N, C-alpha and C. Protein backbone atom coordinates (compact mmCIF):
# COMPACT_ATOMS: atom_id res chain seq x y z
N MET A 1 243.94 254.48 -19.96
CA MET A 1 243.57 255.47 -20.34
C MET A 1 242.23 256.19 -19.94
N THR A 2 241.90 257.39 -20.17
CA THR A 2 240.72 258.01 -19.34
C THR A 2 239.81 258.24 -20.41
N TYR A 3 238.66 258.48 -19.90
CA TYR A 3 237.47 258.74 -20.68
C TYR A 3 237.83 259.91 -21.88
N GLU A 4 238.29 260.94 -21.44
CA GLU A 4 238.66 262.42 -22.15
C GLU A 4 239.51 261.72 -23.43
N THR A 5 240.43 260.85 -23.07
CA THR A 5 241.56 260.26 -24.11
C THR A 5 240.99 259.76 -25.10
N VAL A 6 239.91 258.55 -24.38
CA VAL A 6 238.98 257.49 -25.58
C VAL A 6 238.09 258.61 -26.30
N ALA A 7 237.43 259.67 -25.93
CA ALA A 7 236.53 260.65 -26.60
C ALA A 7 237.43 261.51 -27.48
N ARG A 8 238.37 261.93 -27.26
CA ARG A 8 239.41 262.70 -28.33
C ARG A 8 239.75 261.88 -29.48
N ILE A 9 240.26 260.41 -29.15
CA ILE A 9 240.52 259.85 -30.14
C ILE A 9 239.39 259.45 -31.05
N ALA A 10 238.25 259.25 -30.52
CA ALA A 10 237.24 258.39 -31.33
C ALA A 10 236.62 259.69 -31.97
N GLN A 11 236.81 260.75 -31.71
CA GLN A 11 236.23 262.28 -32.41
C GLN A 11 237.22 262.54 -33.81
N GLN A 12 238.31 262.34 -33.26
CA GLN A 12 239.50 262.69 -34.31
C GLN A 12 239.02 261.27 -35.19
N GLY A 13 239.02 260.12 -35.09
CA GLY A 13 238.85 259.19 -35.96
C GLY A 13 237.47 259.32 -36.97
N GLY A 14 236.42 259.57 -35.87
CA GLY A 14 235.05 260.07 -37.02
C GLY A 14 235.63 261.26 -38.11
N LEU A 15 236.08 262.24 -37.10
CA LEU A 15 236.40 263.68 -38.13
C LEU A 15 237.07 262.94 -39.52
N ILE A 16 238.33 262.08 -39.50
CA ILE A 16 238.78 261.87 -40.49
C ILE A 16 237.96 260.89 -41.42
N TYR A 17 237.27 259.84 -40.65
CA TYR A 17 236.51 259.07 -41.31
C TYR A 17 235.44 259.83 -42.89
N PHE A 18 234.48 260.50 -41.65
CA PHE A 18 233.59 261.38 -42.75
C PHE A 18 233.98 262.49 -43.61
N GLY A 19 235.38 263.07 -43.18
CA GLY A 19 235.84 263.78 -44.12
C GLY A 19 236.35 262.92 -45.50
N LEU A 20 237.03 262.02 -45.26
CA LEU A 20 237.13 261.10 -46.41
C LEU A 20 236.10 260.77 -47.06
N LEU A 21 235.12 260.20 -46.78
CA LEU A 21 233.89 259.85 -47.02
C LEU A 21 233.06 260.90 -47.93
N PHE A 22 233.44 262.09 -47.41
CA PHE A 22 232.72 263.51 -48.09
C PHE A 22 233.70 263.62 -49.14
N LEU A 23 234.94 263.83 -49.15
CA LEU A 23 235.81 263.60 -50.33
C LEU A 23 235.63 262.67 -51.40
N GLY A 24 235.42 261.46 -51.00
CA GLY A 24 234.97 260.49 -51.93
C GLY A 24 233.79 260.70 -52.45
N GLY A 25 232.59 261.36 -51.90
CA GLY A 25 231.44 261.51 -52.26
C GLY A 25 231.49 262.74 -53.63
N CYS A 26 232.21 263.83 -53.29
CA CYS A 26 232.75 264.60 -54.16
C CYS A 26 233.33 264.51 -55.29
N ALA A 27 234.31 263.54 -55.23
CA ALA A 27 235.14 263.09 -56.32
C ALA A 27 234.43 262.11 -57.42
N TYR A 28 233.18 261.48 -57.02
CA TYR A 28 232.63 260.59 -57.51
C TYR A 28 231.47 261.49 -58.09
N ALA A 29 231.03 262.32 -57.46
CA ALA A 29 230.07 262.94 -58.60
C ALA A 29 230.84 264.16 -59.26
N LEU A 30 231.83 264.41 -59.31
CA LEU A 30 232.53 265.48 -60.21
C LEU A 30 233.36 264.50 -61.04
N TRP A 31 233.45 263.45 -61.07
CA TRP A 31 234.33 262.79 -62.06
C TRP A 31 233.49 262.76 -63.55
N PRO A 32 234.32 263.50 -64.42
CA PRO A 32 234.12 263.09 -65.71
C PRO A 32 233.03 262.00 -66.41
N LYS A 33 233.69 260.95 -66.32
CA LYS A 33 232.88 259.67 -66.68
C LYS A 33 231.72 259.45 -66.18
N ASN A 34 231.15 259.98 -64.92
CA ASN A 34 229.97 259.95 -64.43
C ASN A 34 228.69 261.08 -64.94
N GLY A 35 229.24 262.11 -65.50
CA GLY A 35 228.68 263.16 -66.00
C GLY A 35 227.21 262.66 -66.83
N ASP A 36 227.30 261.55 -67.61
CA ASP A 36 226.38 261.36 -68.52
C ASP A 36 224.93 260.76 -67.81
N ALA A 37 225.81 259.80 -66.75
CA ALA A 37 224.59 259.34 -65.93
C ALA A 37 223.81 260.19 -65.10
N PHE A 38 224.54 261.69 -64.64
CA PHE A 38 223.78 262.49 -63.63
C PHE A 38 222.84 263.46 -64.73
N VAL A 39 223.21 263.48 -65.81
CA VAL A 39 222.76 264.46 -66.72
C VAL A 39 221.14 263.55 -67.21
N ARG A 40 221.37 262.28 -67.57
CA ARG A 40 220.15 261.57 -67.43
C ARG A 40 219.15 261.29 -66.51
N ALA A 41 219.74 261.55 -65.53
CA ALA A 41 219.11 261.36 -63.98
C ALA A 41 218.08 262.60 -63.74
N ALA A 42 218.96 263.53 -64.28
CA ALA A 42 218.21 265.13 -64.20
C ALA A 42 217.12 265.08 -64.93
N ARG A 43 217.06 264.82 -66.10
CA ARG A 43 216.31 264.82 -66.90
C ARG A 43 214.92 263.73 -67.03
N LEU A 44 215.14 263.25 -65.80
CA LEU A 44 214.36 261.65 -65.73
C LEU A 44 212.49 262.17 -65.31
N PRO A 45 212.62 263.11 -64.49
CA PRO A 45 211.14 263.68 -64.26
C PRO A 45 210.71 264.43 -65.49
N LEU A 46 211.21 264.96 -66.50
CA LEU A 46 210.60 265.90 -67.48
C LEU A 46 210.16 264.85 -68.48
N GLU A 47 210.80 263.70 -68.35
CA GLU A 47 210.35 262.66 -69.74
C GLU A 47 208.89 262.21 -69.46
N GLU A 48 208.10 262.20 -70.69
CA GLU A 48 206.64 262.04 -70.60
C GLU A 48 206.41 260.47 -70.76
N GLU A 49 205.55 259.94 -69.87
CA GLU A 49 205.38 258.59 -69.75
C GLU A 49 203.86 258.20 -69.89
N ASP A 50 203.30 257.18 -70.60
CA ASP A 50 201.92 256.96 -70.55
C ASP A 50 201.65 256.21 -69.44
N LEU A 51 201.18 256.43 -68.56
CA LEU A 51 200.91 255.45 -67.28
C LEU A 51 199.49 254.37 -67.65
C-alpha cells in the first residue's frame, strides 16, 4: 500500500464518519420528542432569578 492509497482511504472514512455524525446531530435536533427541551433551553436566559 502506498501513502496515497492510505491517505485516500482515511479521507473517505473521515468523510463518511463526520457525515453520519452530522446527520445524527440533525436528526436529534429535529426529532419531535426533543422539541420541548429545546424550547425550555431557549427561554432559560429570559427567566428572572434572584441572585
